[in-house]
Structures are given as structure tokens and as C-alpha cells.
Amino acid sequence: MQSPHHSAPSVEQAREDYEEHRRYCRQCALGPSPCAAAKHLRRVYNNAMRTTQPTAPRRPAAR
């Protein structure tokens, strides 16, 4: 586990962490829905993906 002083994990590291967890977690293996730890790791992966993608221009809100 990384200490709080490290920067955010790379996309590849986040993906590997998530996939490894899903392979070895008994709770994830037993049911179709992932456990809370897997959900957290998936959010970490999604956030890492968002930081690597260029931001799209925002559309004005519809009124």
C-alpha cells in the first residue's frame, strides 16, 4: 500500500491492483457484485484514467 506522500497511482498500476484484487478476493469470487474494496480500487482506476484524458470543453447548462 502506498503512503499518503506518494502521488496518485498510474493508470496501469491502478488497473493491475483492481484486477489482482478481483482474482484473489474470496468475496468477489463468490458473487456477481464486487466487494467494497474492489469498488474502491475501481474508483481509483477511473480517477487515474480521468487525469490522463484531456478535458473536453464544457457545454453551457440548459435553462
Protein backbone atom coordinates (compact mmCIF):
# COMPACT_ATOMS: atom_id res chain seq x y z
CA MET A 1 0.00 0.00 0.00
CA GLN A 2 1.25 3.47 -0.82
CA SER A 3 1.92 6.08 1.80
CA PRO A 4 -0.03 9.37 1.62
CA HIS A 5 3.13 11.16 0.48
CA HIS A 6 3.17 9.40 -2.90
CA SER A 7 1.41 10.80 -5.94
CA ALA A 8 -1.66 9.14 -7.42
CA PRO A 9 -1.06 5.68 -8.90
CA SER A 10 -0.50 5.32 -12.62
CA VAL A 11 -3.35 4.03 -14.74
CA GLU A 12 -1.53 0.76 -15.34
CA GLN A 13 -0.80 0.25 -11.62
CA ALA A 14 -4.40 1.04 -10.67
CA ARG A 15 -5.71 -1.43 -13.26
CA GLU A 16 -3.32 -4.15 -12.05
CA ASP A 17 -4.32 -3.57 -8.42
CA TYR A 18 -8.02 -3.86 -9.30
CA GLU A 19 -7.63 -6.98 -11.43
CA GLU A 20 -5.39 -8.69 -8.88
CA HIS A 21 -7.90 -7.98 -6.13
CA ARG A 22 -10.75 -9.42 -8.19
CA ARG A 23 -8.71 -12.58 -8.84
CA TYR A 24 -7.82 -13.27 -5.22
CA CYS A 25 -10.70 -11.87 -3.17
CA ARG A 26 -12.98 -14.61 -1.86
CA GLN A 27 -15.98 -12.30 -1.63
CA CYS A 28 -15.58 -11.09 -5.23
CA ALA A 29 -15.21 -14.70 -6.42
CA LEU A 30 -18.40 -15.85 -4.68
CA GLY A 31 -20.87 -13.36 -6.09
CA PRO A 32 -21.58 -11.30 -9.17
CA SER A 33 -21.16 -7.96 -7.39
CA PRO A 34 -17.73 -6.73 -6.28
CA CYS A 35 -16.86 -6.12 -2.63
CA ALA A 36 -16.31 -2.64 -1.19
CA ALA A 37 -12.54 -2.88 -1.64
CA ALA A 38 -12.96 -3.77 -5.32
CA LYS A 39 -15.33 -0.82 -5.78
CA HIS A 40 -12.75 1.48 -4.21
CA LEU A 41 -9.97 0.14 -6.42
CA ARG A 42 -12.19 0.62 -9.47
CA ARG A 43 -12.77 4.27 -8.47
CA VAL A 44 -9.01 4.75 -8.11
CA TYR A 45 -8.57 3.33 -11.62
CA ASN A 46 -11.35 5.53 -13.05
CA ASN A 47 -9.85 8.63 -11.41
CA ALA A 48 -6.41 7.79 -12.80
CA MET A 49 -7.95 7.43 -16.27
CA ARG A 50 -9.67 10.81 -15.94
CA THR A 51 -6.41 12.56 -15.06
CA THR A 52 -4.74 11.25 -18.23
CA GLN A 53 -7.53 12.27 -20.61
CA PRO A 54 -7.67 15.80 -22.00
CA THR A 55 -10.58 17.80 -20.70
CA ALA A 56 -13.41 18.44 -23.11
CA PRO A 57 -14.91 21.91 -23.32
CA ARG A 58 -18.00 22.19 -21.14
CA ARG A 59 -21.35 22.87 -22.68
CA PRO A 60 -23.42 25.64 -21.14
CA ALA A 61 -26.19 24.46 -18.85
CA ALA A 62 -29.65 24.25 -20.45
CA ARG A 63 -32.21 26.57 -18.94
